[in-house]
Amino acid sequence: MAERERAVISARTKAALAAAKARGQALGNPRLSEARAIANAAHKAEADAHSAIVAPAIREAQAAGAKSLRQIAAALNARGIATARGPVGGSDRRDRHASRWQPGSAFGMGARVAAARR
């Protein structure tokens, strides 16, 4: 029953979109590139702000002897420093690593910190 309803809705939607397109109506966001530029700038600003918070902790971990990405990630987790996705010990079951630093995320943050220093 639900599958049939889904198929009917899909067909109705496709027909309506085809009719709108035939009338010459613009479909989608007419200023998509502008919207993307605004969103990208906002994401970059958030990432830069987060890296400014994490950078001192990475430098302290390296000064304390952390040489590998795994050691840096462990140091950030031990200090309870939140990843960009949330605090350590988050409850998101769909992505159990979302709130824990992993070597790859430490690498990405280290690259961002190094680029900011240049």
Protein backbone atom coordinates (compact mmCIF):
# COMPACT_ATOMS: atom_id res chain seq x y z
CA MET A 1 0.00 0.00 0.00
CA ALA A 2 2.73 2.49 1.01
CA GLU A 3 4.80 1.56 -2.05
CA ARG A 4 1.87 2.33 -4.34
CA GLU A 5 1.27 5.66 -2.63
CA ARG A 6 4.94 6.52 -2.98
CA ALA A 7 4.84 5.69 -6.68
CA VAL A 8 1.72 7.84 -7.20
CA ILE A 9 3.31 10.80 -5.37
CA SER A 10 6.50 10.38 -7.38
CA ALA A 11 4.64 10.34 -10.69
CA ARG A 12 2.57 13.39 -9.71
CA THR A 13 5.69 15.31 -8.66
CA LYS A 14 7.56 14.43 -11.87
CA ALA A 15 4.59 15.51 -13.97
CA ALA A 16 4.31 18.82 -12.12
CA LEU A 17 8.03 19.53 -12.52
CA ALA A 18 7.90 18.68 -16.22
CA ALA A 19 4.91 21.01 -16.69
CA ALA A 20 6.67 23.84 -14.86
CA LYS A 21 9.78 23.32 -16.97
CA ALA A 22 7.69 23.34 -20.15
CA ARG A 23 6.18 26.70 -19.10
CA GLY A 24 9.73 28.06 -18.85
CA GLN A 25 9.71 28.39 -15.08
CA ALA A 26 13.17 28.26 -13.52
CA LEU A 27 13.52 25.25 -11.25
CA GLY A 28 15.75 25.20 -8.20
CA ASN A 29 17.60 28.05 -6.57
CA PRO A 30 18.19 30.81 -9.13
CA ARG A 31 21.13 32.11 -7.08
CA LEU A 32 22.75 28.76 -6.29
CA SER A 33 26.35 29.87 -6.80
CA GLU A 34 25.79 32.83 -4.47
CA ALA A 35 24.21 30.56 -1.84
CA ARG A 36 27.11 28.11 -2.12
CA ALA A 37 29.67 30.89 -1.73
CA ILE A 38 27.93 32.14 1.43
CA ALA A 39 27.71 28.62 2.87
CA ASN A 40 31.37 27.86 2.05
CA ALA A 41 32.50 31.10 3.69
CA ALA A 42 30.49 30.27 6.81
CA HIS A 43 31.94 26.73 6.99
CA LYS A 44 35.47 28.06 6.54
CA ALA A 45 34.95 30.63 9.29
CA GLU A 46 33.66 27.93 11.66
CA ALA A 47 36.62 25.67 10.84
CA ASP A 48 39.10 28.52 11.34
CA ALA A 49 37.54 29.41 14.70
CA HIS A 50 37.66 25.78 15.82
CA SER A 51 41.29 25.38 14.72
CA ALA A 52 42.23 28.50 16.69
CA ILE A 53 40.87 26.77 19.81
CA VAL A 54 42.54 23.41 19.11
CA ALA A 55 45.94 24.67 17.86
CA PRO A 56 47.41 25.43 21.31
CA ALA A 57 46.45 21.98 22.56
CA ILE A 58 48.12 20.33 19.56
CA ARG A 59 51.30 22.33 20.15
CA GLU A 60 51.25 21.42 23.87
CA ALA A 61 50.80 17.73 23.03
CA GLN A 62 53.72 17.88 20.62
CA ALA A 63 55.85 19.68 23.21
CA ALA A 64 54.97 16.94 25.70
CA GLY A 65 56.33 14.31 23.31
CA ALA A 66 53.39 13.34 21.10
CA LYS A 67 54.99 12.49 17.77
CA SER A 68 52.37 10.44 15.92
CA LEU A 69 48.88 11.45 14.86
CA ARG A 70 47.51 8.68 17.08
CA GLN A 71 49.28 10.20 20.10
CA ILE A 72 48.03 13.70 19.27
CA ALA A 73 44.46 12.38 18.88
CA ALA A 74 44.75 10.56 22.21
CA ALA A 75 46.02 13.73 23.90
CA LEU A 76 43.12 15.78 22.54
CA ASN A 77 40.64 13.13 23.70
CA ALA A 78 42.27 12.93 27.13
CA ARG A 79 41.94 16.69 27.55
CA GLY A 80 38.27 16.50 26.57
CA ILE A 81 38.70 18.86 23.63
CA ALA A 82 35.67 18.70 21.37
CA THR A 83 35.91 17.82 17.72
CA ALA A 84 34.09 19.98 15.20
CA ARG A 85 31.13 17.58 15.45
CA GLY A 86 30.69 17.71 19.19
CA PRO A 87 32.05 17.06 22.66
CA VAL A 88 33.92 13.92 23.65
CA GLY A 89 31.47 11.26 24.78
CA GLY A 90 28.63 12.42 22.55
CA SER A 91 25.56 10.24 22.25
CA ASP A 92 25.19 10.09 18.48
CA ARG A 93 24.89 6.36 17.83
CA ARG A 94 24.88 6.69 14.05
CA ASP A 95 28.46 7.97 14.04
CA ARG A 96 30.16 6.63 17.11
CA HIS A 97 33.44 8.35 16.20
CA ALA A 98 31.84 11.75 15.53
CA SER A 99 32.88 13.16 18.87
CA ARG A 100 36.28 11.46 19.31
CA TRP A 101 39.52 12.59 17.77
CA GLN A 102 40.91 10.09 15.29
CA PRO A 103 44.38 10.19 13.69
CA GLY A 104 42.85 11.38 10.42
CA SER A 105 40.99 14.24 12.07
CA ALA A 106 44.16 15.21 13.94
CA PHE A 107 45.99 15.22 10.60
CA GLY A 108 43.37 17.49 9.04
CA MET A 109 43.47 19.87 11.98
CA GLY A 110 47.27 19.87 11.96
CA ALA A 111 47.27 20.78 8.27
CA ARG A 112 44.81 23.63 8.92
CA VAL A 113 46.91 24.89 11.85
CA ALA A 114 50.10 24.74 9.76
CA ALA A 115 48.44 26.62 6.91
CA ALA A 116 47.23 29.30 9.32
CA ARG A 117 50.79 29.83 10.58
CA ARG A 118 52.11 30.60 7.09
